[in-house]
C-alpha atoms as a PDB file:
ATOM      1  CA  MET A   1     110.183  95.950 111.352  1.00  0.00           C
ATOM      2  CA  GLU A   2     107.648  93.765 113.136  1.00  0.00           C
ATOM      3  CA  ILE A   3     104.113  94.883 114.043  1.00  0.00           C
ATOM      4  CA  LYS A   4     101.803  92.438 115.875  1.00  0.00           C
ATOM      5  CA  ASN A   5     103.791  89.378 114.721  1.00  0.00           C
ATOM      6  CA  VAL A   6     103.749  90.609 111.106  1.00  0.00           C
ATOM      7  CA  ASN A   7     107.111  91.235 109.479  1.00  0.00           C
ATOM      8  CA  VAL A   8     106.729  94.501 107.535  1.00  0.00           C
ATOM      9  CA  ARG A   9     109.225  95.120 104.737  1.00  0.00           C
ATOM     10  CA  ILE A  10     109.307  98.169 102.515  1.00  0.00           C
ATOM     11  CA  SER A  11     110.478  97.445  98.970  1.00  0.00           C
ATOM     12  CA  ALA A  12     113.771  98.716  97.593  1.00  0.00           C
ATOM     13  CA  VAL A  13     111.874 100.717  94.975  1.00  0.00           C
ATOM     14  CA  SER A  14     109.869 102.540  97.679  1.00  0.00           C
ATOM     15  CA  LEU A  15     113.044 103.290  99.608  1.00  0.00           C
ATOM     16  CA  ALA A  16     114.712 104.599  96.434  1.00  0.00           C
ATOM     17  CA  VAL A  17     111.733 106.907  95.767  1.00  0.00           C
ATOM     18  CA  PHE A  18     111.926 108.148  99.372  1.00  0.00           C
ATOM     19  CA  ALA A  19     115.678 108.797  99.051  1.00  0.00           C
ATOM     20  CA  PHE A  20     115.246 110.603  95.721  1.00  0.00           C
ATOM     21  CA  PHE A  21     112.580 112.960  97.044  1.00  0.00           C
ATOM     22  CA  THR A  22     114.490 113.528 100.306  1.00  0.00           C
ATOM     23  CA  ILE A  23     117.491 114.674  98.274  1.00  0.00           C
ATOM     24  CA  LEU A  24     115.180 116.794  96.121  1.00  0.00           C
ATOM     25  CA  VAL A  25     113.614 118.532  99.147  1.00  0.00           C
ATOM     26  CA  VAL A  26     117.013 119.137 100.793  1.00  0.00           C
ATOM     27  CA  PHE A  27     118.378 120.480  97.499  1.00  0.00           C
ATOM     28  CA  ALA A  28     115.365 122.806  97.058  1.00  0.00           C
ATOM     29  CA  VAL A  29     115.650 124.170 100.605  1.00  0.00           C
ATOM     30  CA  THR A  30     119.413 124.642 100.270  1.00  0.00           C
ATOM     31  CA  LEU A  31     119.171 126.290  96.861  1.00  0.00           C
ATOM     32  CA  THR A  32     116.279 128.655  97.632  1.00  0.00           C
ATOM     33  CA  GLY A  33     116.727 129.106 101.383  1.00  0.00           C
ATOM     34  CA  ASP A  34     112.933 128.889 101.663  1.00  0.00           C
ATOM     35  CA  LEU A  35     112.112 126.839 104.761  1.00  0.00           C
ATOM     36  CA  SER A  36     108.404 126.873 103.919  1.00  0.00           C
ATOM     37  CA  ILE A  37     109.144 124.004 101.497  1.00  0.00           C
ATOM     38  CA  LEU A  38     109.561 121.836 104.596  1.00  0.00           C
ATOM     39  CA  ILE A  39     105.909 122.482 105.554  1.00  0.00           C
ATOM     40  CA  TRP A  40     104.718 120.230 102.741  1.00  0.00           C
ATOM     41  CA  GLY A  41     108.005 118.403 102.112  1.00  0.00           C
ATOM     42  CA  ILE A  42     108.399 116.613 105.442  1.00  0.00           C
ATOM     43  CA  PRO A  43     104.789 115.287 105.633  1.00  0.00           C
ATOM     44  CA  THR A  44     105.077 114.113 102.033  1.00  0.00           C
ATOM     45  CA  LEU A  45     108.327 112.285 102.786  1.00  0.00           C
ATOM     46  CA  VAL A  46     106.751 110.659 105.837  1.00  0.00           C
ATOM     47  CA  LEU A  47     103.837 109.451 103.698  1.00  0.00           C
ATOM     48  CA  LEU A  48     106.271 108.048 101.120  1.00  0.00           C
ATOM     49  CA  ILE A  49     107.463 105.650 103.842  1.00  0.00           C
ATOM     50  CA  ILE A  50     104.239 105.077 105.776  1.00  0.00           C
ATOM     51  CA  ILE A  51     101.967 104.191 102.830  1.00  0.00           C
ATOM     52  CA  PRO A  52     104.118 101.321 101.435  1.00  0.00           C
ATOM     53  CA  GLY A  53     104.631 100.061 104.990  1.00  0.00           C
ATOM     54  CA  MET A  54     100.887 100.083 105.687  1.00  0.00           C
ATOM     55  CA  LEU A  55     100.109  98.316 102.409  1.00  0.00           C
ATOM     56  CA  ASN A  56     102.706  95.648 103.156  1.00  0.00           C
ATOM     57  CA  TYR A  57     101.371  95.205 106.699  1.00  0.00           C
ATOM     58  CA  MET A  58      97.807  94.770 105.421  1.00  0.00           C
ATOM     59  CA  SER A  59      98.758  92.200 102.788  1.00  0.00           C
ATOM     60  CA  GLN A  60     101.018  90.329 105.231  1.00  0.00           C
ATOM     61  CA  SER A  61      98.281  90.123 107.864  1.00  0.00           C
ATOM     62  CA  GLN A  62      95.738  88.929 105.278  1.00  0.00           C
ATOM     63  CA  TYR A  63      98.105  86.205 104.082  1.00  0.00           C
ATOM     64  CA  ALA A  64      98.900  85.172 107.677  1.00  0.00           C
ATOM     65  CA  GLY A  65      95.164  84.699 108.280  1.00  0.00           C
ATOM     66  CA  LEU A  66      94.869  82.475 105.197  1.00  0.00           C
ATOM     67  CA  VAL A  67      97.697  80.091 106.136  1.00  0.00           C
ATOM     68  CA  PRO A  68      95.676  77.944 108.620  1.00  0.00           C
ATOM     69  CA  VAL A  69      92.860  77.583 106.064  1.00  0.00           C
ATOM     70  CA  TYR A  70      95.266  76.508 103.328  1.00  0.00           C
ATOM     71  CA  GLU A  71      97.115  74.117 105.656  1.00  0.00           C
ATOM     72  CA  LYS A  72      93.830  72.353 106.326  1.00  0.00           C
ATOM     73  CA  GLU A  73      92.425  72.319 102.779  1.00  0.00           C
ATOM     74  CA  ALA A  74      95.474  72.074 100.501  1.00  0.00           C
ATOM     75  CA  LYS A  75      96.184  68.820  98.669  1.00  0.00           C
ATOM     76  CA  ASP A  76      99.746  67.620  98.121  1.00  0.00           C
ATOM     77  CA  VAL A  77     100.578  67.839  94.420  1.00  0.00           C
ATOM     78  CA  ARG A  78     103.541  67.503  92.101  1.00  0.00           C
ATOM     79  CA  ALA A  79     104.538  70.351  89.796  1.00  0.00           C
ATOM     80  CA  ARG A  80     103.636  68.459  86.627  1.00  0.00           C
ATOM     81  CA  ALA A  81     100.168  67.588  87.999  1.00  0.00           C
ATOM     82  CA  ILE A  82      99.107  71.247  88.260  1.00  0.00           C
ATOM     83  CA  THR A  83      96.886  72.086  85.277  1.00  0.00           C
ATOM     84  CA  ILE A  84      94.281  74.619  84.162  1.00  0.00           C
ATOM     85  CA  ALA A  85      91.595  72.200  85.379  1.00  0.00           C
ATOM     86  CA  MET A  86      92.800  72.819  88.962  1.00  0.00           C
ATOM     87  CA  ILE A  87      92.189  76.604  88.903  1.00  0.00           C
ATOM     88  CA  GLY A  88      90.768  77.738  92.221  1.00  0.00           C
ATOM     89  CA  LYS A  89      92.025  74.685  94.144  1.00  0.00           C
ATOM     90  CA  PRO A  90      94.367  75.069  97.139  1.00  0.00           C
ATOM     91  CA  VAL A  91      97.598  73.077  96.769  1.00  0.00           C
ATOM     92  CA  ARG A  92     100.719  72.159  98.729  1.00  0.00           C
ATOM     93  CA  LEU A  93     103.884  71.871  96.648  1.00  0.00           C
ATOM     94  CA  ARG A  94     107.315  70.815  97.869  1.00  0.00           C
ATOM     95  CA  GLY A  95     110.436  71.365  95.827  1.00  0.00           C
ATOM     96  CA  THR A  96     113.684  73.231  95.348  1.00  0.00           C
ATOM     97  CA  VAL A  97     113.840  76.899  94.393  1.00  0.00           C
ATOM     98  CA  LYS A  98     115.490  77.183  91.002  1.00  0.00           C
ATOM     99  CA  THR A  99     115.006  80.938  90.319  1.00  0.00           C
ATOM    100  CA  VAL A 100     113.806  84.018  92.220  1.00  0.00           C
ATOM    101  CA  LYS A 101     112.643  87.172  90.388  1.00  0.00           C
ATOM    102  CA  PHE A 102     111.112  90.522  91.428  1.00  0.00           C
ATOM    103  CA  ARG A 103     112.184  90.270  95.064  1.00  0.00           C
ATOM    104  CA  TYR A 104     113.105  93.976  95.028  1.00  0.00           C
ATOM    105  CA  LEU A 105     109.429  94.809  94.360  1.00  0.00           C
ATOM    106  CA  ASN A 106     108.238  92.678  97.312  1.00  0.00           C
ATOM    107  CA  ARG A 107     106.412  90.545  94.727  1.00  0.00           C
ATOM    108  CA  PRO A 108     108.706  87.546  94.323  1.00  0.00           C
ATOM    109  CA  HIS A 109     108.188  84.966  91.589  1.00  0.00           C
ATOM    110  CA  TYR A 110     109.808  81.598  92.114  1.00  0.00           C
ATOM    111  CA  ILE A 111     110.495  78.728  89.778  1.00  0.00           C
ATOM    112  CA  VAL A 112     110.190  75.649  91.999  1.00  0.00           C
ATOM    113  CA  GLU A 113     111.370  72.275  90.788  1.00  0.00           C
ATOM    114  CA  ASP A 114     110.454  68.853  92.094  1.00  0.00           C
ATOM    115  CA  THR A 115     111.094  65.380  90.682  1.00  0.00           C
ATOM    116  CA  SER A 116     108.199  65.700  88.197  1.00  0.00           C
ATOM    117  CA  GLY A 117     109.071  69.105  86.706  1.00  0.00           C
ATOM    118  CA  GLU A 118     108.958  72.790  87.539  1.00  0.00           C
ATOM    119  CA  MET A 119     106.217  75.275  88.389  1.00  0.00           C
ATOM    120  CA  THR A 120     106.018  79.075  88.557  1.00  0.00           C
ATOM    121  CA  VAL A 121     104.966  80.323  91.970  1.00  0.00           C
ATOM    122  CA  LYS A 122     103.900  83.965  92.329  1.00  0.00           C
ATOM    123  CA  MET A 123     103.634  85.737  95.647  1.00  0.00           C
ATOM    124  CA  PHE A 124     101.945  89.126  95.810  1.00  0.00           C
ATOM    125  CA  THR A 125     103.533  90.191  99.095  1.00  0.00           C
ATOM    126  CA  THR A 126     106.802  89.669 100.928  1.00  0.00           C
ATOM    127  CA  PRO A 127     107.332  86.142 102.268  1.00  0.00           C
ATOM    128  CA  GLN A 128     107.712  85.783 106.030  1.00  0.00           C
ATOM    129  CA  GLU A 129     111.127  84.181 105.618  1.00  0.00           C
ATOM    130  CA  ASP A 130     113.803  84.856 103.037  1.00  0.00           C
ATOM    131  CA  VAL A 131     114.020  82.067 100.492  1.00  0.00           C
ATOM    132  CA  GLU A 132     117.095  81.723  98.309  1.00  0.00           C
ATOM    133  CA  VAL A 133     117.913  79.733  95.182  1.00  0.00           C
ATOM    134  CA  GLY A 134     118.666  76.139  96.169  1.00  0.00           C
ATOM    135  CA  ASP A 135     116.452  76.129  99.274  1.00  0.00           C
ATOM    136  CA  ARG A 136     114.090  73.202  99.722  1.00  0.00           C
ATOM    137  CA  VAL A 137     110.633  74.730 100.315  1.00  0.00           C
ATOM    138  CA  GLU A 138     106.995  73.968 101.034  1.00  0.00           C
ATOM    139  CA  ILE A 139     104.467  76.180  99.277  1.00  0.00           C
ATOM    140  CA  LEU A 140     100.804  76.668 100.124  1.00  0.00           C
ATOM    141  CA  GLY A 141      98.802  78.405  97.450  1.00  0.00           C
ATOM    142  CA  LEU A 142      95.958  78.554  94.996  1.00  0.00           C
ATOM    143  CA  VAL A 143      96.164  77.527  91.350  1.00  0.00           C
ATOM    144  CA  ILE A 144      95.507  80.510  89.050  1.00  0.00           C
ATOM    145  CA  LYS A 145      96.056  81.430  85.404  1.00  0.00           C
ATOM    146  CA  ARG A 146      99.346  83.137  84.627  1.00  0.00           C
ATOM    147  CA  TYR A 147      97.514  86.098  83.101  1.00  0.00           C
ATOM    148  CA  VAL A 148      94.026  87.315  83.995  1.00  0.00           C
ATOM    149  CA  VAL A 149      92.281  85.971  80.905  1.00  0.00           C
ATOM    150  CA  SER A 150      94.660  83.370  79.527  1.00  0.00           C
ATOM    151  CA  GLY A 151      97.871  81.517  80.161  1.00  0.00           C
ATOM    152  CA  ASP A 152      99.062  78.355  81.794  1.00  0.00           C
ATOM    153  CA  ALA A 153      98.501  77.384  85.412  1.00  0.00           C
ATOM    154  CA  VAL A 154     100.703  78.880  88.125  1.00  0.00           C
ATOM    155  CA  VAL A 155     100.489  78.888  91.915  1.00  0.00           C
ATOM    156  CA  ASN A 156      99.456  82.050  93.768  1.00  0.00           C
ATOM    157  CA  CYS A 157     101.551  81.527  96.899  1.00  0.00           C
ATOM    158  CA  VAL A 158     100.095  82.264 100.325  1.00  0.00           C
ATOM    159  CA  SER A 159     103.007  80.798 102.287  1.00  0.00           C
ATOM    160  CA  ILE A 160     106.502  79.683 101.373  1.00  0.00           C
ATOM    161  CA  ARG A 161     108.796  78.256 104.006  1.00  0.00           C
ATOM    162  CA  ARG A 162     112.084  76.425 104.053  1.00  0.00           C
ATOM    163  CA  ILE A 163     111.922  72.728 104.852  1.00  0.00           C
ATOM    164  CA  LYS A 164     114.413  71.531 107.446  1.00  0.00           C
ATOM    165  CA  LYS A 165     116.386  68.342 106.814  1.00  0.00           C
ATOM    166  CA  GLU A 166     114.375  66.283 109.327  1.00  0.00           C
ATOM    167  CA  GLU A 167     111.053  67.290 107.658  1.00  0.00           C
ATOM    168  CA  GLN A 168     112.189  65.984 104.265  1.00  0.00           C
END
């Protein structure tokens, strides 16, 4: 679903929770015959869809607003060149997607490989375009620590997009 040029996607987990509770409400009404369950059941089910959609819309619109800033400030880097010393610096990384994890949570983690090595790229919202293993991509992001207090350097992705053949 698209709202004001922002592609809103509800995660599979949120949809599964919605389906589970829909079945539960229908089962309760059928079993008891008490239609008053629908008074609180239907609004609750609506909120189970609206809240994840609103959260995704807000994060997508925030990320969309950051893209022009990162396009202007990001430095082109190789995967191997990204270190702890670069934390807080915007970077542009080009490479091939080797692995995609946690897509079903709308929080995909990518392993992106270029000629120098590979780098973990975390995105904390749904990307604007679907990226698959083997796609050649350009990533705009900020170097962060893997974990809050410790860990190696990873890229917090603001934008990931496929690179067309003529751009390579």
